[in-house]
């Protein structure tokens, strides 16, 4: 009887964990992804970098809230980057995206 209660509790807790993960996955994703580093702010544009990607975005009147050298958690949604701050969502249209590939020293041939 004790073993059945233990397994029932484990299954119930696992189900609750899966439900919470599914319900709040949009909130967890920015935490798991590395932030975008602000390389340069020149109103009305800004240059951001994340691992092997560099974005030039339009920030227009919102350029003043970003600080050069600081990382910000953002989500890419098609042709825009979204940044959430104090309950508001700031959308930054992507003007240019560059992808860098790691190269091997001495070439491949």
PDB file of N, CA and C in Angstrom:
ATOM      1  N   UNK A   1       0.815  -1.193   0.000  1.00  0.00           N
ATOM      2  CA  UNK A   1       0.000   0.000   0.000  1.00  0.00           C
ATOM      3  C   UNK A   1       0.864   1.264   0.000  1.00  0.00           C
ATOM      4  N   UNK A   2       1.946   1.235   0.770  1.00  0.00           N
ATOM      5  CA  UNK A   2       2.852   2.381   0.818  1.00  0.00           C
ATOM      6  C   UNK A   2       3.511   2.624  -0.531  1.00  0.00           C
ATOM      7  N   UNK A   3       3.872   1.539  -1.197  1.00  0.00           N
ATOM      8  CA  UNK A   3       4.536   1.645  -2.496  1.00  0.00           C
ATOM      9  C   UNK A   3       3.607   2.265  -3.534  1.00  0.00           C
ATOM     10  N   UNK A   4       2.341   1.915  -3.500  1.00  0.00           N
ATOM     11  CA  UNK A   4       1.360   2.487  -4.424  1.00  0.00           C
ATOM     12  C   UNK A   4       1.195   3.983  -4.164  1.00  0.00           C
ATOM     13  N   UNK A   5       1.142   4.380  -2.900  1.00  0.00           N
ATOM     14  CA  UNK A   5       1.023   5.796  -2.546  1.00  0.00           C
ATOM     15  C   UNK A   5       2.259   6.571  -3.002  1.00  0.00           C
ATOM     16  N   UNK A   6       3.438   5.973  -2.848  1.00  0.00           N
ATOM     17  CA  UNK A   6       4.679   6.626  -3.269  1.00  0.00           C
ATOM     18  C   UNK A   6       4.684   6.839  -4.779  1.00  0.00           C
ATOM     19  N   UNK A   7       4.338   5.790  -5.537  1.00  0.00           N
ATOM     20  CA  UNK A   7       4.314   5.908  -6.993  1.00  0.00           C
ATOM     21  C   UNK A   7       3.230   6.881  -7.446  1.00  0.00           C
ATOM     22  N   UNK A   8       2.113   6.885  -6.792  1.00  0.00           N
ATOM     23  CA  UNK A   8       1.042   7.831  -7.125  1.00  0.00           C
ATOM     24  C   UNK A   8       1.486   9.273  -6.910  1.00  0.00           C
ATOM     25  N   UNK A   9       2.214   9.502  -5.820  1.00  0.00           N
ATOM     26  CA  UNK A   9       2.737  10.843  -5.538  1.00  0.00           C
ATOM     27  C   UNK A   9       3.759  11.260  -6.590  1.00  0.00           C
ATOM     28  N   UNK A  10       4.640  10.346  -6.978  1.00  0.00           N
ATOM     29  CA  UNK A  10       5.663  10.647  -7.995  1.00  0.00           C
ATOM     30  C   UNK A  10       5.005  10.979  -9.330  1.00  0.00           C
ATOM     31  N   UNK A  11       4.028  10.202  -9.726  1.00  0.00           N
ATOM     32  CA  UNK A  11       3.326  10.445 -10.991  1.00  0.00           C
ATOM     33  C   UNK A  11       2.582  11.781 -10.936  1.00  0.00           C
ATOM     34  N   UNK A  12       1.929  12.075  -9.820  1.00  0.00           N
ATOM     35  CA  UNK A  12       1.214  13.327  -9.668  1.00  0.00           C
ATOM     36  C   UNK A  12       2.167  14.522  -9.739  1.00  0.00           C
ATOM     37  N   UNK A  13       3.293  14.469  -9.050  1.00  0.00           N
ATOM     38  CA  UNK A  13       4.272  15.557  -9.088  1.00  0.00           C
ATOM     39  C   UNK A  13       4.864  15.719 -10.486  1.00  0.00           C
ATOM     40  N   UNK A  14       5.116  14.612 -11.164  1.00  0.00           N
ATOM     41  CA  UNK A  14       5.623  14.679 -12.533  1.00  0.00           C
ATOM     42  C   UNK A  14       4.617  15.333 -13.462  1.00  0.00           C
ATOM     43  N   UNK A  15       3.357  15.003 -13.298  1.00  0.00           N
ATOM     44  CA  UNK A  15       2.313  15.613 -14.120  1.00  0.00           C
ATOM     45  C   UNK A  15       2.189  17.114 -13.865  1.00  0.00           C
ATOM     46  N   UNK A  16       2.276  17.516 -12.618  1.00  0.00           N
ATOM     47  CA  UNK A  16       2.215  18.945 -12.282  1.00  0.00           C
ATOM     48  C   UNK A  16       3.416  19.671 -12.876  1.00  0.00           C
ATOM     49  N   UNK A  17       4.602  19.078 -12.799  1.00  0.00           N
ATOM     50  CA  UNK A  17       5.803  19.695 -13.379  1.00  0.00           C
ATOM     51  C   UNK A  17       5.670  19.854 -14.892  1.00  0.00           C
ATOM     52  N   UNK A  18       5.176  18.836 -15.576  1.00  0.00           N
ATOM     53  CA  UNK A  18       4.976  18.923 -17.019  1.00  0.00           C
ATOM     54  C   UNK A  18       3.941  19.980 -17.382  1.00  0.00           C
ATOM     55  N   UNK A  19       2.873  20.061 -16.604  1.00  0.00           N
ATOM     56  CA  UNK A  19       1.844  21.068 -16.855  1.00  0.00           C
ATOM     57  C   UNK A  19       2.407  22.474 -16.687  1.00  0.00           C
ATOM     58  N   UNK A  20       3.189  22.698 -15.615  1.00  0.00           N
ATOM     59  CA  UNK A  20       3.799  24.013 -15.389  1.00  0.00           C
ATOM     60  C   UNK A  20       4.784  24.359 -16.501  1.00  0.00           C
ATOM     61  N   UNK A  21       5.551  23.381 -16.936  1.00  0.00           N
ATOM     62  CA  UNK A  21       6.516  23.618 -18.010  1.00  0.00           C
ATOM     63  C   UNK A  21       5.804  24.002 -19.302  1.00  0.00           C
ATOM     64  N   UNK A  22       4.721  23.301 -19.625  1.00  0.00           N
ATOM     65  CA  UNK A  22       3.968  23.610 -20.845  1.00  0.00           C
ATOM     66  C   UNK A  22       3.272  24.968 -20.739  1.00  0.00           C
ATOM     67  N   UNK A  23       2.757  25.292 -19.586  1.00  0.00           N
ATOM     68  CA  UNK A  23       2.010  26.540 -19.412  1.00  0.00           C
ATOM     69  C   UNK A  23       2.921  27.766 -19.411  1.00  0.00           C
ATOM     70  N   UNK A  24       4.160  27.608 -18.967  1.00  0.00           N
ATOM     71  CA  UNK A  24       5.061  28.757 -18.824  1.00  0.00           C
ATOM     72  C   UNK A  24       6.320  28.642 -19.677  1.00  0.00           C
ATOM     73  N   UNK A  25       6.273  27.867 -20.739  1.00  0.00           N
ATOM     74  CA  UNK A  25       7.463  27.685 -21.577  1.00  0.00           C
ATOM     75  C   UNK A  25       7.903  28.986 -22.235  1.00  0.00           C
ATOM     76  N   UNK A  26       6.969  29.879 -22.571  1.00  0.00           N
ATOM     77  CA  UNK A  26       7.335  31.170 -23.177  1.00  0.00           C
ATOM     78  C   UNK A  26       8.113  32.046 -22.206  1.00  0.00           C
ATOM     79  N   UNK A  27       7.868  31.889 -20.923  1.00  0.00           N
ATOM     80  CA  UNK A  27       8.591  32.668 -19.923  1.00  0.00           C
ATOM     81  C   UNK A  27       9.962  32.073 -19.629  1.00  0.00           C
ATOM     82  N   UNK A  28      10.114  30.767 -19.805  1.00  0.00           N
ATOM     83  CA  UNK A  28      11.377  30.097 -19.505  1.00  0.00           C
ATOM     84  C   UNK A  28      12.392  30.219 -20.633  1.00  0.00           C
ATOM     85  N   UNK A  29      11.935  30.333 -21.870  1.00  0.00           N
ATOM     86  CA  UNK A  29      12.842  30.350 -23.008  1.00  0.00           C
ATOM     87  C   UNK A  29      13.866  31.478 -22.950  1.00  0.00           C
ATOM     88  N   UNK A  30      13.475  32.726 -22.650  1.00  0.00           N
ATOM     89  CA  UNK A  30      14.496  33.784 -22.575  1.00  0.00           C
ATOM     90  C   UNK A  30      15.536  33.551 -21.486  1.00  0.00           C
ATOM     91  N   UNK A  31      15.170  32.851 -20.418  1.00  0.00           N
ATOM     92  CA  UNK A  31      16.119  32.561 -19.349  1.00  0.00           C
ATOM     93  C   UNK A  31      17.183  31.581 -19.825  1.00  0.00           C
ATOM     94  N   UNK A  32      16.793  30.635 -20.660  1.00  0.00           N
ATOM     95  CA  UNK A  32      17.716  29.603 -21.127  1.00  0.00           C
ATOM     96  C   UNK A  32      18.616  30.073 -22.268  1.00  0.00           C
ATOM     97  N   UNK A  33      18.189  31.074 -23.025  1.00  0.00           N
ATOM     98  CA  UNK A  33      18.981  31.579 -24.141  1.00  0.00           C
ATOM     99  C   UNK A  33      19.936  32.666 -23.662  1.00  0.00           C
ATOM    100  N   UNK A  34      21.137  32.730 -24.260  1.00  0.00           N
ATOM    101  CA  UNK A  34      22.036  33.821 -23.876  1.00  0.00           C
ATOM    102  C   UNK A  34      21.483  35.160 -24.354  1.00  0.00           C
ATOM    103  N   UNK A  35      21.748  36.198 -23.597  1.00  0.00           N
ATOM    104  CA  UNK A  35      21.251  37.526 -23.954  1.00  0.00           C
ATOM    105  C   UNK A  35      21.980  38.094 -25.158  1.00  0.00           C
ATOM    106  N   UNK A  36      21.424  39.142 -25.719  1.00  0.00           N
ATOM    107  CA  UNK A  36      22.051  39.839 -26.838  1.00  0.00           C
ATOM    108  C   UNK A  36      22.874  40.997 -26.282  1.00  0.00           C
ATOM    109  N   UNK A  37      24.117  41.065 -26.695  1.00  0.00           N
ATOM    110  CA  UNK A  37      25.037  42.100 -26.249  1.00  0.00           C
ATOM    111  C   UNK A  37      24.897  43.320 -27.144  1.00  0.00           C
ATOM    112  N   UNK A  38      24.729  44.484 -26.540  1.00  0.00           N
ATOM    113  CA  UNK A  38      24.631  45.733 -27.304  1.00  0.00           C
ATOM    114  C   UNK A  38      26.048  46.182 -27.642  1.00  0.00           C
ATOM    115  N   UNK A  39      26.373  46.186 -28.940  1.00  0.00           N
ATOM    116  CA  UNK A  39      27.697  46.607 -29.390  1.00  0.00           C
ATOM    117  C   UNK A  39      27.764  48.106 -29.634  1.00  0.00           C
ATOM    118  N   UNK A  40      26.680  48.649 -30.184  1.00  0.00           N
ATOM    119  CA  UNK A  40      26.688  50.060 -30.555  1.00  0.00           C
ATOM    120  C   UNK A  40      25.260  50.587 -30.622  1.00  0.00           C
ATOM    121  N   UNK A  41      25.057  51.777 -30.093  1.00  0.00           N
ATOM    122  CA  UNK A  41      23.754  52.442 -30.180  1.00  0.00           C
ATOM    123  C   UNK A  41      23.957  53.762 -30.897  1.00  0.00           C
ATOM    124  N   UNK A  42      23.371  53.872 -32.078  1.00  0.00           N
ATOM    125  CA  UNK A  42      23.404  55.100 -32.881  1.00  0.00           C
ATOM    126  C   UNK A  42      21.984  55.370 -33.320  1.00  0.00           C
ATOM    127  N   UNK A  43      21.298  56.257 -32.620  1.00  0.00           N
ATOM    128  CA  UNK A  43      19.901  56.500 -32.933  1.00  0.00           C
ATOM    129  C   UNK A  43      19.746  56.847 -34.420  1.00  0.00           C
ATOM    130  N   UNK A  44      18.889  56.224 -35.154  1.00  0.00           N
ATOM    131  CA  UNK A  44      17.773  55.364 -34.806  1.00  0.00           C
ATOM    132  C   UNK A  44      18.064  53.868 -34.936  1.00  0.00           C
ATOM    133  N   UNK A  45      19.351  53.461 -34.948  1.00  0.00           N
ATOM    134  CA  UNK A  45      19.665  52.035 -35.068  1.00  0.00           C
ATOM    135  C   UNK A  45      20.565  51.583 -33.923  1.00  0.00           C
ATOM    136  N   UNK A  46      20.674  50.255 -33.807  1.00  0.00           N
ATOM    137  CA  UNK A  46      21.477  49.648 -32.758  1.00  0.00           C
ATOM    138  C   UNK A  46      22.040  48.339 -33.304  1.00  0.00           C
ATOM    139  N   UNK A  47      23.250  47.976 -32.884  1.00  0.00           N
ATOM    140  CA  UNK A  47      23.874  46.722 -33.306  1.00  0.00           C
ATOM    141  C   UNK A  47      23.965  45.805 -32.091  1.00  0.00           C
ATOM    142  N   UNK A  48      23.413  44.591 -32.242  1.00  0.00           N
ATOM    143  CA  UNK A  48      23.386  43.585 -31.179  1.00  0.00           C
ATOM    144  C   UNK A  48      24.119  42.334 -31.641  1.00  0.00           C
ATOM    145  N   UNK A  49      24.668  41.577 -30.683  1.00  0.00           N
ATOM    146  CA  UNK A  49      25.365  40.340 -31.036  1.00  0.00           C
ATOM    147  C   UNK A  49      24.993  39.238 -30.057  1.00  0.00           C
ATOM    148  N   UNK A  50      24.812  38.025 -30.607  1.00  0.00           N
ATOM    149  CA  UNK A  50      24.512  36.837 -29.801  1.00  0.00           C
ATOM    150  C   UNK A  50      25.234  35.666 -30.433  1.00  0.00           C
ATOM    151  N   UNK A  51      26.136  35.049 -29.698  1.00  0.00           N
ATOM    152  CA  UNK A  51      26.979  33.945 -30.157  1.00  0.00           C
ATOM    153  C   UNK A  51      27.513  34.212 -31.555  1.00  0.00           C
ATOM    154  N   UNK A  52      26.960  33.584 -32.592  1.00  0.00           N
ATOM    155  CA  UNK A  52      27.495  33.744 -33.948  1.00  0.00           C
ATOM    156  C   UNK A  52      26.586  34.603 -34.847  1.00  0.00           C
ATOM    157  N   UNK A  53      25.743  35.431 -34.250  1.00  0.00           N
ATOM    158  CA  UNK A  53      24.834  36.290 -35.022  1.00  0.00           C
ATOM    159  C   UNK A  53      25.005  37.754 -34.610  1.00  0.00           C
ATOM    160  N   UNK A  54      24.895  38.617 -35.597  1.00  0.00           N
ATOM    161  CA  UNK A  54      24.935  40.060 -35.355  1.00  0.00           C
ATOM    162  C   UNK A  54      23.721  40.681 -36.033  1.00  0.00           C
ATOM    163  N   UNK A  55      22.986  41.473 -35.269  1.00  0.00           N
ATOM    164  CA  UNK A  55      21.765  42.103 -35.768  1.00  0.00           C
ATOM    165  C   UNK A  55      21.931  43.625 -35.769  1.00  0.00           C
ATOM    166  N   UNK A  56      21.477  44.249 -36.833  1.00  0.00           N
ATOM    167  CA  UNK A  56      21.296  45.698 -36.865  1.00  0.00           C
ATOM    168  C   UNK A  56      19.791  45.909 -36.823  1.00  0.00           C
ATOM    169  N   UNK A  57      19.326  46.603 -35.785  1.00  0.00           N
ATOM    170  CA  UNK A  57      17.887  46.785 -35.595  1.00  0.00           C
ATOM    171  C   UNK A  57      17.546  48.262 -35.530  1.00  0.00           C
ATOM    172  N   UNK A  58      16.287  48.549 -35.801  1.00  0.00           N
ATOM    173  CA  UNK A  58      15.771  49.906 -35.682  1.00  0.00           C
ATOM    174  C   UNK A  58      15.191  50.050 -34.277  1.00  0.00           C
ATOM    175  N   UNK A  59      15.704  51.035 -33.529  1.00  0.00           N
ATOM    176  CA  UNK A  59      15.187  51.244 -32.172  1.00  0.00           C
ATOM    177  C   UNK A  59      14.488  52.590 -32.022  1.00  0.00           C
ATOM    178  N   UNK A  60      14.624  53.463 -33.017  1.00  0.00           N
ATOM    179  CA  UNK A  60      13.953  54.765 -33.091  1.00  0.00           C
ATOM    180  C   UNK A  60      13.929  55.489 -31.749  1.00  0.00           C
ATOM    181  N   UNK A  61      12.767  55.660 -31.126  1.00  0.00           N
ATOM    182  CA  UNK A  61      12.671  56.433 -29.884  1.00  0.00           C
ATOM    183  C   UNK A  61      13.082  55.635 -28.655  1.00  0.00           C
ATOM    184  N   UNK A  62      13.299  54.320 -28.802  1.00  0.00           N
ATOM    185  CA  UNK A  62      13.629  53.453 -27.668  1.00  0.00           C
ATOM    186  C   UNK A  62      15.127  53.228 -27.497  1.00  0.00           C
ATOM    187  N   UNK A  63      15.957  53.849 -28.319  1.00  0.00           N
ATOM    188  CA  UNK A  63      17.410  53.643 -28.240  1.00  0.00           C
ATOM    189  C   UNK A  63      17.978  54.025 -26.878  1.00  0.00           C
ATOM    190  N   UNK A  64      17.382  54.985 -26.225  1.00  0.00           N
ATOM    191  CA  UNK A  64      17.891  55.494 -24.956  1.00  0.00           C
ATOM    192  C   UNK A  64      17.823  54.516 -23.800  1.00  0.00           C
ATOM    193  N   UNK A  65      17.021  53.469 -23.904  1.00  0.00           N
ATOM    194  CA  UNK A  65      16.916  52.523 -22.785  1.00  0.00           C
ATOM    195  C   UNK A  65      17.983  51.440 -22.843  1.00  0.00           C
ATOM    196  N   UNK A  66      18.740  51.352 -23.939  1.00  0.00           N
ATOM    197  CA  UNK A  66      19.766  50.325 -24.096  1.00  0.00           C
ATOM    198  C   UNK A  66      21.153  50.922 -23.856  1.00  0.00           C
ATOM    199  N   UNK A  67      21.999  50.156 -23.163  1.00  0.00           N
ATOM    200  CA  UNK A  67      23.332  50.609 -22.793  1.00  0.00           C
ATOM    201  C   UNK A  67      24.370  49.753 -23.510  1.00  0.00           C
ATOM    202  N   UNK A  68      25.344  50.399 -24.143  1.00  0.00           N
ATOM    203  CA  UNK A  68      26.414  49.687 -24.835  1.00  0.00           C
ATOM    204  C   UNK A  68      27.190  48.824 -23.838  1.00  0.00           C
ATOM    205  N   UNK A  69      27.450  47.563 -24.220  1.00  0.00           N
ATOM    206  CA  UNK A  69      28.196  46.636 -23.378  1.00  0.00           C
ATOM    207  C   UNK A  69      27.346  45.809 -22.432  1.00  0.00           C
ATOM    208  N   UNK A  70      26.047  46.016 -22.420  1.00  0.00           N
ATOM    209  CA  UNK A  70      25.145  45.270 -21.550  1.00  0.00           C
ATOM    210  C   UNK A  70      24.367  44.238 -22.358  1.00  0.00           C
ATOM    211  N   UNK A  71      24.021  43.111 -21.714  1.00  0.00           N
ATOM    212  CA  UNK A  71      23.241  42.056 -22.375  1.00  0.00           C
ATOM    213  C   UNK A  71      21.771  42.168 -21.988  1.00  0.00           C
ATOM    214  N   UNK A  72      20.905  41.897 -22.966  1.00  0.00           N
ATOM    215  CA  UNK A  72      19.467  41.960 -22.766  1.00  0.00           C
ATOM    216  C   UNK A  72      18.831  40.665 -23.277  1.00  0.00           C
ATOM    217  N   UNK A  73      17.917  40.059 -22.506  1.00  0.00           N
ATOM    218  CA  UNK A  73      17.215  38.867 -22.988  1.00  0.00           C
ATOM    219  C   UNK A  73      16.159  39.259 -24.014  1.00  0.00           C
ATOM    220  N   UNK A  74      16.283  38.716 -25.214  1.00  0.00           N
ATOM    221  CA  UNK A  74      15.333  39.025 -26.287  1.00  0.00           C
ATOM    222  C   UNK A  74      14.944  37.739 -27.009  1.00  0.00           C
ATOM    223  N   UNK A  75      13.795  37.799 -27.656  1.00  0.00           N
ATOM    224  CA  UNK A  75      13.319  36.678 -28.476  1.00  0.00           C
ATOM    225  C   UNK A  75      13.216  37.128 -29.911  1.00  0.00           C
ATOM    226  N   UNK A  76      13.663  36.263 -30.810  1.00  0.00           N
ATOM    227  CA  UNK A  76      13.533  36.545 -32.237  1.00  0.00           C
ATOM    228  C   UNK A  76      12.202  35.993 -32.707  1.00  0.00           C
ATOM    229  N   UNK A  77      11.416  36.860 -33.315  1.00  0.00           N
ATOM    230  CA  UNK A  77      10.114  36.463 -33.859  1.00  0.00           C
ATOM    231  C   UNK A  77      10.059  36.916 -35.309  1.00  0.00           C
ATOM    232  N   UNK A  78      10.556  36.057 -36.185  1.00  0.00           N
ATOM    233  CA  UNK A  78      10.569  36.391 -37.605  1.00  0.00           C
ATOM    234  C   UNK A  78      11.542  37.512 -37.890  1.00  0.00           C
ATOM    235  N   UNK A  79      11.030  38.659 -38.304  1.00  0.00           N
ATOM    236  CA  UNK A  79      11.889  39.777 -38.677  1.00  0.00           C
ATOM    237  C   UNK A  79      11.983  40.843 -37.582  1.00  0.00           C
ATOM    238  N   UNK A  80      11.612  40.476 -36.344  1.00  0.00           N
ATOM    239  CA  UNK A  80      11.737  41.418 -35.230  1.00  0.00           C
ATOM    240  C   UNK A  80      12.376  40.733 -34.024  1.00  0.00           C
ATOM    241  N   UNK A  81      12.938  41.543 -33.144  1.00  0.00           N
ATOM    242  CA  UNK A  81      13.399  41.079 -31.835  1.00  0.00           C
ATOM    243  C   UNK A  81      12.458  41.686 -30.802  1.00  0.00           C
ATOM    244  N   UNK A  82      12.045  40.878 -29.830  1.00  0.00           N
ATOM    245  CA  UNK A  82      11.157  41.359 -28.774  1.00  0.00           C
ATOM    246  C   UNK A  82      11.919  41.430 -27.462  1.00  0.00           C
ATOM    247  N   UNK A  83      11.762  42.547 -26.772  1.00  0.00           N
ATOM    248  CA  UNK A  83      12.367  42.737 -25.459  1.00  0.00           C
ATOM    249  C   UNK A  83      11.253  43.129 -24.496  1.00  0.00           C
ATOM    250  N   UNK A  84      11.136  42.377 -23.401  1.00  0.00           N
ATOM    251  CA  UNK A  84      10.110  42.670 -22.407  1.00  0.00           C
ATOM    252  C   UNK A  84      10.738  43.426 -21.246  1.00  0.00           C
ATOM    253  N   UNK A  85      10.071  44.516 -20.883  1.00  0.00           N
ATOM    254  CA  UNK A  85      10.590  45.352 -19.808  1.00  0.00           C
ATOM    255  C   UNK A  85       9.425  45.910 -19.018  1.00  0.00           C
ATOM    256  N   UNK A  86       9.371  45.579 -17.748  1.00  0.00           N
ATOM    257  CA  UNK A  86       8.344  46.112 -16.838  1.00  0.00           C
ATOM    258  C   UNK A  86       6.938  45.977 -17.403  1.00  0.00           C
ATOM    259  N   UNK A  87       6.625  44.800 -17.912  1.00  0.00           N
ATOM    260  CA  UNK A  87       5.278  44.541 -18.403  1.00  0.00           C
ATOM    261  C   UNK A  87       4.984  45.025 -19.805  1.00  0.00           C
ATOM    262  N   UNK A  88       5.921  45.711 -20.457  1.00  0.00           N
ATOM    263  CA  UNK A  88       5.690  46.144 -21.830  1.00  0.00           C
ATOM    264  C   UNK A  88       6.619  45.381 -22.766  1.00  0.00           C
ATOM    265  N   UNK A  89       6.170  45.186 -23.984  1.00  0.00           N
ATOM    266  CA  UNK A  89       6.964  44.497 -24.993  1.00  0.00           C
ATOM    267  C   UNK A  89       7.445  45.516 -26.017  1.00  0.00           C
ATOM    268  N   UNK A  90       8.767  45.594 -26.156  1.00  0.00           N
ATOM    269  CA  UNK A  90       9.377  46.513 -27.112  1.00  0.00           C
ATOM    270  C   UNK A  90       9.777  45.700 -28.332  1.00  0.00           C
ATOM    271  N   UNK A  91       9.298  46.076 -29.507  1.00  0.00           N
ATOM    272  CA  UNK A  91       9.641  45.362 -30.736  1.00  0.00           C
ATOM    273  C   UNK A  91      10.691  46.163 -31.499  1.00  0.00           C
ATOM    274  N   UNK A  92      11.732  45.446 -31.912  1.00  0.00           N
ATOM    275  CA  UNK A  92      12.837  46.054 -32.646  1.00  0.00           C
ATOM    276  C   UNK A  92      12.926  45.389 -34.015  1.00  0.00           C
ATOM    277  N   UNK A  93      12.505  46.071 -35.090  1.00  0.00           N
ATOM    278  CA  UNK A  93      12.581  45.480 -36.433  1.00  0.00           C
ATOM    279  C   UNK A  93      14.043  45.232 -36.836  1.00  0.00           C
ATOM    280  N   UNK A  94      14.313  44.047 -37.376  1.00  0.00           N
ATOM    281  CA  UNK A  94      15.658  43.686 -37.819  1.00  0.00           C
ATOM    282  C   UNK A  94      15.889  44.264 -39.206  1.00  0.00           C
ATOM    283  N   UNK A  95      16.924  45.090 -39.327  1.00  0.00           N
ATOM    284  CA  UNK A  95      17.283  45.685 -40.613  1.00  0.00           C
ATOM    285  C   UNK A  95      18.297  44.823 -41.353  1.00  0.00           C
ATOM    286  N   UNK A  96      19.205  44.191 -40.586  1.00  0.00           N
ATOM    287  CA  UNK A  96      20.242  43.340 -41.182  1.00  0.00           C
ATOM    288  C   UNK A  96      20.621  42.259 -40.176  1.00  0.00           C
ATOM    289  N   UNK A  97      20.855  41.053 -40.678  1.00  0.00           N
ATOM    290  CA  UNK A  97      21.292  39.939 -39.836  1.00  0.00           C
ATOM    291  C   UNK A  97      22.511  39.296 -40.480  1.00  0.00           C
ATOM    292  N   UNK A  98      23.583  39.166 -39.707  1.00  0.00           N
ATOM    293  CA  UNK A  98      24.793  38.508 -40.185  1.00  0.00           C
ATOM    294  C   UNK A  98      25.022  37.256 -39.355  1.00  0.00           C
ATOM    295  N   UNK A  99      25.387  36.166 -40.042  1.00  0.00           N
ATOM    296  CA  UNK A  99      25.687  34.906 -39.364  1.00  0.00           C
ATOM    297  C   UNK A  99      27.150  34.578 -39.620  1.00  0.00           C
ATOM    298  N   UNK A 100      27.876  34.316 -38.540  1.00  0.00           N
ATOM    299  CA  UNK A 100      29.298  33.986 -38.649  1.00  0.00           C
ATOM    300  C   UNK A 100      29.490  32.494 -38.401  1.00  0.00           C
ATOM    301  N   UNK A 101      30.279  31.847 -39.255  1.00  0.00           N
ATOM    302  CA  UNK A 101      30.569  30.426 -39.110  1.00  0.00           C
ATOM    303  C   UNK A 101      31.992  30.258 -38.625  1.00  0.00           C
ATOM    304  N   UNK A 102      32.206  29.374 -37.650  1.00  0.00           N
ATOM    305  CA  UNK A 102      33.576  29.160 -37.184  1.00  0.00           C
ATOM    306  C   UNK A 102      34.403  28.493 -38.289  1.00  0.00           C
ATOM    307  N   UNK A 103      35.610  28.997 -38.483  1.00  0.00           N
ATOM    308  CA  UNK A 103      36.486  28.417 -39.515  1.00  0.00           C
ATOM    309  C   UNK A 103      37.646  27.699 -38.863  1.00  0.00           C
ATOM    310  N   UNK A 104      38.093  26.651 -39.492  1.00  0.00           N
ATOM    311  CA  UNK A 104      39.224  25.882 -38.995  1.00  0.00           C
ATOM    312  C   UNK A 104      40.524  26.556 -39.417  1.00  0.00           C
ATOM    313  N   UNK A 105      41.530  26.594 -38.550  1.00  0.00           N
ATOM    314  CA  UNK A 105      42.809  27.165 -38.960  1.00  0.00           C
ATOM    315  C   UNK A 105      43.423  26.355 -40.108  1.00  0.00           C
ATOM    316  N   UNK A 106      43.897  27.052 -41.113  1.00  0.00           N
ATOM    317  CA  UNK A 106      44.534  26.359 -42.233  1.00  0.00           C
ATOM    318  C   UNK A 106      43.575  25.926 -43.328  1.00  0.00           C
ATOM    319  N   UNK A 107      42.305  26.214 -43.175  1.00  0.00           N
ATOM    320  CA  UNK A 107      41.328  25.855 -44.206  1.00  0.00           C
ATOM    321  C   UNK A 107      40.889  24.418 -44.105  1.00  0.00           C
ATOM    322  N   UNK A 108      40.065  23.992 -45.033  1.00  0.00           N
ATOM    323  CA  UNK A 108      39.500  22.645 -45.018  1.00  0.00           C
ATOM    324  C   UNK A 108      40.167  21.741 -46.040  1.00  0.00           C
ATOM    325  N   UNK A 109      41.039  22.256 -46.879  1.00  0.00           N
ATOM    326  CA  UNK A 109      41.585  21.437 -47.956  1.00  0.00           C
ATOM    327  C   UNK A 109      42.979  21.125 -47.721  1.00  0.00           C
TER     328      UNK A 109
END
